[in-house]
Amino acid sequence: MDQPPGYVVCESENLVCRLKKALYGLKQSLRAWVDKFSSVLIKYDFRRTMSDHSVFSQSSTRGFIVLIVYVDDIIKSESHFVGIADLKAYLSR
């Protein structure tokens, strides 16, 4: 194993980095991503539907937002544009 390009330490070329935790390539990586994403949405006042755990909804005075999570894609539908813009700003933080 070699040190990654750009992270080579002079006079220590035989040393490598040990990962404490890996996410990609694991069988449970998708579950970990969905769990993290779900917890973030729930903090933002979304509700997970009982019939399908990949569908989230939020109702407010601004309107209604529905998010459908499929693998690592998100389908959104909203009744008011400002609500989805606020959600995007929240998720980017």
Protein backbone atom coordinates (compact mmCIF):
# COMPACT_ATOMS: atom_id res chain seq x y z
CA MET A 1 0.00 0.00 0.00
CA ASP A 2 1.25 3.48 -0.88
CA GLN A 3 0.51 6.88 0.56
CA PRO A 4 -2.08 8.78 -1.49
CA PRO A 5 -0.75 11.39 -3.94
CA GLY A 6 -0.43 14.79 -2.30
CA TYR A 7 -0.20 13.30 1.19
CA VAL A 8 3.29 11.79 1.01
CA VAL A 9 5.41 12.49 4.09
CA CYS A 10 9.09 12.75 3.21
CA GLU A 11 11.32 10.16 4.90
CA SER A 12 8.18 8.25 5.93
CA GLU A 13 7.14 6.78 2.59
CA ASN A 14 6.47 3.39 4.22
CA LEU A 15 3.76 4.83 6.51
CA VAL A 16 0.13 4.70 5.43
CA CYS A 17 -3.12 6.15 6.79
CA ARG A 18 -5.44 3.85 8.68
CA LEU A 19 -9.15 4.58 8.29
CA LYS A 20 -11.07 4.46 11.54
CA LYS A 21 -14.38 4.18 9.75
CA ALA A 22 -15.32 3.54 6.13
CA LEU A 23 -18.75 4.22 4.70
CA TYR A 24 -18.57 3.47 0.99
CA GLY A 25 -18.24 -0.09 -0.16
CA LEU A 26 -19.97 -1.52 2.88
CA LYS A 27 -23.21 -3.44 2.60
CA GLN A 28 -24.81 -1.15 5.18
CA SER A 29 -23.65 2.15 3.64
CA LEU A 30 -27.05 2.90 2.09
CA ARG A 31 -28.79 2.27 5.40
CA ALA A 32 -26.35 4.61 7.17
CA TRP A 33 -26.97 7.33 4.55
CA VAL A 34 -30.76 6.99 4.80
CA ASP A 35 -30.64 7.01 8.62
CA LYS A 36 -28.56 10.20 8.63
CA PHE A 37 -30.72 11.89 6.00
CA SER A 38 -33.91 10.87 7.84
CA SER A 39 -32.69 12.31 11.12
CA VAL A 40 -31.84 15.61 9.41
CA LEU A 41 -35.29 15.80 7.80
CA ILE A 42 -37.05 14.99 11.06
CA LYS A 43 -35.12 17.82 12.78
CA TYR A 44 -36.47 20.10 10.02
CA ASP A 45 -40.03 19.09 10.98
CA PHE A 46 -40.70 16.49 8.29
CA ARG A 47 -42.84 13.45 9.06
CA ARG A 48 -42.11 9.96 7.73
CA THR A 49 -45.19 8.25 6.34
CA MET A 50 -46.24 5.00 7.97
CA SER A 51 -47.08 3.26 4.70
CA ASP A 52 -43.67 3.91 3.08
CA HIS A 53 -40.60 4.87 5.11
CA SER A 54 -38.92 6.48 2.11
CA VAL A 55 -41.61 9.19 1.81
CA PHE A 56 -41.40 12.33 3.96
CA SER A 57 -43.91 15.16 4.14
CA GLN A 58 -44.10 18.57 5.74
CA SER A 59 -47.12 20.80 6.04
CA SER A 60 -46.84 24.45 7.07
CA THR A 61 -48.51 27.78 6.47
CA ARG A 62 -46.39 28.16 3.32
CA GLY A 63 -47.66 24.94 1.79
CA PHE A 64 -46.98 21.25 1.53
CA ILE A 65 -43.68 19.50 0.64
CA VAL A 66 -43.26 15.82 -0.19
CA LEU A 67 -39.83 14.15 -0.52
CA ILE A 68 -39.36 10.63 -1.86
CA VAL A 69 -35.97 9.03 -1.26
CA TYR A 70 -34.91 6.30 -3.68
CA VAL A 71 -31.43 4.87 -3.08
CA ASP A 72 -29.42 8.13 -3.15
CA ASP A 73 -31.84 10.21 -5.22
CA ILE A 74 -34.48 12.58 -3.88
CA ILE A 75 -37.70 13.44 -5.68
CA LYS A 76 -39.40 16.57 -4.41
CA SER A 77 -42.81 18.07 -4.88
CA GLU A 78 -43.99 21.28 -3.29
CA SER A 79 -46.93 23.63 -3.37
CA HIS A 80 -44.80 26.73 -2.70
CA PHE A 81 -41.35 27.54 -4.12
CA VAL A 82 -40.03 29.37 -1.04
CA GLY A 83 -40.46 26.28 1.15
CA ILE A 84 -38.22 24.13 -1.03
CA ALA A 85 -35.63 26.93 -1.28
CA ASP A 86 -35.51 27.06 2.54
CA LEU A 87 -35.12 23.27 2.66
CA LYS A 88 -32.23 23.35 0.17
CA ALA A 89 -30.49 26.04 2.23
CA TYR A 90 -30.97 23.96 5.39
CA LEU A 91 -29.62 20.79 3.76
CA SER A 92 -26.58 22.61 2.38
CA ARG A 93 -25.63 23.62 5.92
